Amino acid sequence: MTRILAAGLRGAGGSVSEDQVAALAFDGGLNGAIRAAIALLDVTFSDQTETPAAEAGAANRPSQPPVA
């Protein structure tokens, strides 16, 4: 997950390392970081003519990641 977020930040023009991303605090802790990674992947790989999953209510995705 750290690699996904770091790649997204670098792709957006930021110059951050994976270590810097690992040290970031996310609202909601690990769940917040997972939501950020999911949002990044949605934006990166979604069809731009469709409504983003976050706006559509993400009906196919649980509201929280499963607890191990």
C-alpha atoms as a PDB file:
ATOM      1  CA  MET A   1       0.000   0.000   0.000  1.00  0.00           C
ATOM      2  CA  THR A   2       2.876   2.355   0.781  1.00  0.00           C
ATOM      3  CA  ARG A   3       4.280   1.790  -2.706  1.00  0.00           C
ATOM      4  CA  ILE A   4       0.919   2.566  -4.318  1.00  0.00           C
ATOM      5  CA  LEU A   5       0.538   5.821  -2.402  1.00  0.00           C
ATOM      6  CA  ALA A   6       4.159   6.868  -3.006  1.00  0.00           C
ATOM      7  CA  ALA A   7       3.845   6.158  -6.732  1.00  0.00           C
ATOM      8  CA  GLY A   8       0.645   8.197  -6.872  1.00  0.00           C
ATOM      9  CA  LEU A   9       2.242  11.141  -5.106  1.00  0.00           C
ATOM     10  CA  ARG A  10       5.302  10.990  -7.351  1.00  0.00           C
ATOM     11  CA  GLY A  11       3.086  10.707 -10.423  1.00  0.00           C
ATOM     12  CA  ALA A  12       1.298  13.872  -9.318  1.00  0.00           C
ATOM     13  CA  GLY A  13       4.605  15.730  -9.196  1.00  0.00           C
ATOM     14  CA  GLY A  14       5.578  15.180  -5.574  1.00  0.00           C
ATOM     15  CA  SER A  15       9.024  14.021  -4.582  1.00  0.00           C
ATOM     16  CA  VAL A  16       8.408  11.631  -1.714  1.00  0.00           C
ATOM     17  CA  SER A  17      10.041   8.377  -0.752  1.00  0.00           C
ATOM     18  CA  GLU A  18       8.249   5.271   0.438  1.00  0.00           C
ATOM     19  CA  ASP A  19       9.729   5.894   3.890  1.00  0.00           C
ATOM     20  CA  GLN A  20       8.173   9.370   3.952  1.00  0.00           C
ATOM     21  CA  VAL A  21       4.788   7.967   2.943  1.00  0.00           C
ATOM     22  CA  ALA A  22       5.073   5.259   5.626  1.00  0.00           C
ATOM     23  CA  ALA A  23       5.581   8.022   8.209  1.00  0.00           C
ATOM     24  CA  LEU A  24       2.447   9.949   7.146  1.00  0.00           C
ATOM     25  CA  ALA A  25      -0.582  10.057   9.418  1.00  0.00           C
ATOM     26  CA  PHE A  26      -3.936   9.334   7.783  1.00  0.00           C
ATOM     27  CA  ASP A  27      -7.357  10.248   9.142  1.00  0.00           C
ATOM     28  CA  GLY A  28      -8.731   6.915  10.278  1.00  0.00           C
ATOM     29  CA  GLY A  29      -5.285   5.316  10.636  1.00  0.00           C
ATOM     30  CA  LEU A  30      -4.739   2.222   8.525  1.00  0.00           C
ATOM     31  CA  ASN A  31      -8.333   2.301   7.259  1.00  0.00           C
ATOM     32  CA  GLY A  32      -7.781   5.862   6.062  1.00  0.00           C
ATOM     33  CA  ALA A  33      -4.598   4.868   4.242  1.00  0.00           C
ATOM     34  CA  ILE A  34      -6.431   1.987   2.589  1.00  0.00           C
ATOM     35  CA  ARG A  35      -9.233   4.333   1.503  1.00  0.00           C
ATOM     36  CA  ALA A  36      -6.638   6.716   0.044  1.00  0.00           C
ATOM     37  CA  ALA A  37      -4.992   3.880  -1.908  1.00  0.00           C
ATOM     38  CA  ILE A  38      -8.382   2.696  -3.200  1.00  0.00           C
ATOM     39  CA  ALA A  39      -9.298   6.228  -4.269  1.00  0.00           C
ATOM     40  CA  LEU A  40      -5.959   6.573  -6.063  1.00  0.00           C
ATOM     41  CA  LEU A  41      -6.493   3.292  -7.914  1.00  0.00           C
ATOM     42  CA  ASP A  42     -10.086   4.284  -8.781  1.00  0.00           C
ATOM     43  CA  VAL A  43      -8.928   7.566 -10.301  1.00  0.00           C
ATOM     44  CA  THR A  44      -5.999   5.949 -12.083  1.00  0.00           C
ATOM     45  CA  PHE A  45      -7.811   3.028 -13.665  1.00  0.00           C
ATOM     46  CA  SER A  46     -11.452   4.101 -13.936  1.00  0.00           C
ATOM     47  CA  ASP A  47     -13.145   5.134 -17.141  1.00  0.00           C
ATOM     48  CA  GLN A  48     -13.145   8.932 -16.970  1.00  0.00           C
ATOM     49  CA  THR A  49     -16.640   9.061 -18.535  1.00  0.00           C
ATOM     50  CA  GLU A  50     -18.117   7.095 -15.614  1.00  0.00           C
ATOM     51  CA  THR A  51     -19.026   8.452 -12.193  1.00  0.00           C
ATOM     52  CA  PRO A  52     -16.143   7.698  -9.790  1.00  0.00           C
ATOM     53  CA  ALA A  53     -16.931   4.914  -7.327  1.00  0.00           C
ATOM     54  CA  ALA A  54     -16.591   7.287  -4.366  1.00  0.00           C
ATOM     55  CA  GLU A  55     -19.311   9.532  -5.814  1.00  0.00           C
ATOM     56  CA  ALA A  56     -21.529   6.605  -6.817  1.00  0.00           C
ATOM     57  CA  GLY A  57     -21.557   5.291  -3.256  1.00  0.00           C
ATOM     58  CA  ALA A  58     -19.234   2.376  -4.020  1.00  0.00           C
ATOM     59  CA  ALA A  59     -22.122  -0.080  -3.777  1.00  0.00           C
ATOM     60  CA  ASN A  60     -19.896  -3.029  -4.650  1.00  0.00           C
ATOM     61  CA  ARG A  61     -17.304  -2.279  -1.976  1.00  0.00           C
ATOM     62  CA  PRO A  62     -17.672  -2.683   1.785  1.00  0.00           C
ATOM     63  CA  SER A  63     -17.490   0.542   3.784  1.00  0.00           C
ATOM     64  CA  GLN A  64     -14.527  -0.751   5.804  1.00  0.00           C
ATOM     65  CA  PRO A  65     -11.696  -3.097   4.873  1.00  0.00           C
ATOM     66  CA  PRO A  66     -12.113  -6.563   6.366  1.00  0.00           C
ATOM     67  CA  VAL A  67     -10.592  -7.062   9.785  1.00  0.00           C
ATOM     68  CA  ALA A  68      -7.981  -9.812   9.937  1.00  0.00           C
END
